Amino acid sequence: MNPTVEDAYWLENFSRRPYVKSGTNYDEMRPAYQHGWESRGRYAGTGFVDAEPHLRRDWEGGPNASRMEWNKARDAVRDAWDRAAGAGPGDYGR
């Protein structure tokens, strides 16, 4: 996983995701995407549903929790997780 490539992808595409409200700045969403692509490697071999309690715990115990609640970050984390898994973004609502 190349973080530079992932960051560039999400910078270009985040505003078209249905969970991103109009006027949202990428800097606000970036930590959630990064959490998704980085966590995919940490929890390799695990599906998102099974990994979600760990992802949430990691998010809520980290520095980004004060900037964005898990319920707001979840869809972006899932989107980046799916992309990192090779499934492509889009199943964020499942």
Protein backbone atom coordinates (compact mmCIF):
# COMPACT_ATOMS: atom_id res chain seq x y z
CA MET A 1 0.00 0.00 0.00
CA ASN A 2 1.47 3.29 -1.10
CA PRO A 3 0.17 6.07 1.19
CA THR A 4 1.05 8.76 -1.34
CA VAL A 5 -1.07 7.05 -4.00
CA GLU A 6 -3.95 6.51 -1.58
CA ASP A 7 -3.85 10.09 -0.36
CA ALA A 8 -3.87 11.41 -3.95
CA TYR A 9 -6.76 9.11 -4.88
CA TRP A 10 -8.93 10.24 -1.97
CA LEU A 11 -8.04 13.90 -2.43
CA GLU A 12 -9.32 13.66 -5.99
CA ASN A 13 -12.38 11.52 -5.25
CA PHE A 14 -13.63 12.20 -1.71
CA SER A 15 -16.03 14.99 -2.64
CA ARG A 16 -18.03 12.62 -4.86
CA ARG A 17 -18.68 10.10 -2.09
CA PRO A 18 -22.33 10.16 -0.93
CA TYR A 19 -21.45 10.39 2.78
CA VAL A 20 -19.39 13.58 2.31
CA LYS A 21 -21.41 16.71 2.84
CA SER A 22 -21.04 19.54 0.37
CA GLY A 23 -18.36 21.99 1.43
CA THR A 24 -16.37 19.44 3.44
CA ASN A 25 -12.63 19.95 3.20
CA TYR A 26 -10.38 16.97 2.45
CA ASP A 27 -8.25 17.72 5.51
CA GLU A 28 -11.31 16.95 7.61
CA MET A 29 -11.83 13.53 5.98
CA ARG A 30 -8.21 12.50 5.42
CA PRO A 31 -7.64 10.93 8.86
CA ALA A 32 -10.59 8.58 8.32
CA TYR A 33 -9.33 7.48 4.91
CA GLN A 34 -5.85 7.00 6.31
CA HIS A 35 -7.22 4.93 9.18
CA GLY A 36 -8.95 2.70 6.64
CA TRP A 37 -6.00 2.10 4.34
CA GLU A 38 -3.52 1.65 7.19
CA SER A 39 -5.81 -0.63 9.20
CA ARG A 40 -6.38 -2.93 6.25
CA GLY A 41 -2.80 -4.13 6.55
CA ARG A 42 -3.02 -4.44 10.32
CA TYR A 43 -6.14 -6.60 10.11
CA ALA A 44 -5.31 -8.49 6.92
CA GLY A 45 -7.42 -11.56 6.39
CA THR A 46 -10.30 -10.07 8.35
CA GLY A 47 -13.46 -8.65 6.83
CA PHE A 48 -14.59 -5.16 7.69
CA VAL A 49 -17.55 -6.34 9.77
CA ASP A 50 -15.31 -8.50 11.95
CA ALA A 51 -12.61 -5.83 12.18
CA GLU A 52 -14.97 -2.93 12.86
CA PRO A 53 -14.96 -3.20 16.68
CA HIS A 54 -11.16 -3.02 16.60
CA LEU A 55 -11.17 -0.19 14.06
CA ARG A 56 -13.61 1.76 16.20
CA ARG A 57 -11.57 1.15 19.35
CA ASP A 58 -8.40 2.27 17.56
CA TRP A 59 -10.16 5.37 16.24
CA GLU A 60 -11.71 6.33 19.55
CA GLY A 61 -8.42 5.79 21.36
CA GLY A 62 -6.44 7.88 18.91
CA PRO A 63 -5.97 11.58 18.29
CA ASN A 64 -8.64 11.86 15.59
CA ALA A 65 -11.58 10.96 17.82
CA SER A 66 -11.76 14.51 19.14
CA ARG A 67 -12.04 15.83 15.56
CA MET A 68 -14.59 13.33 14.24
CA GLU A 69 -16.85 10.80 15.93
CA TRP A 70 -16.68 7.19 14.75
CA ASN A 71 -20.19 7.35 13.29
CA LYS A 72 -19.08 10.13 10.97
CA ALA A 73 -15.69 8.55 10.16
CA ARG A 74 -16.97 5.00 9.63
CA ASP A 75 -18.07 5.29 6.00
CA ALA A 76 -14.77 6.86 4.92
CA VAL A 77 -12.80 4.26 6.86
CA ARG A 78 -14.84 1.52 5.17
CA ASP A 79 -14.38 3.08 1.75
CA ALA A 80 -10.59 3.22 2.10
CA TRP A 81 -10.58 -0.29 3.63
CA ASP A 82 -12.45 -1.66 0.62
CA ARG A 83 -10.14 0.07 -1.82
CA ALA A 84 -7.07 -1.24 0.02
CA ALA A 85 -8.56 -4.74 -0.10
CA GLY A 86 -8.86 -4.46 -3.88
CA ALA A 87 -12.64 -4.40 -3.76
CA GLY A 88 -12.81 -0.76 -4.76
CA PRO A 89 -14.69 1.90 -2.85
CA GLY A 90 -18.44 1.83 -2.69
CA ASP A 91 -19.66 -0.74 -0.21
CA TYR A 92 -19.34 1.74 2.64
CA GLY A 93 -22.94 1.31 3.73
CA ARG A 94 -22.82 -2.41 4.39
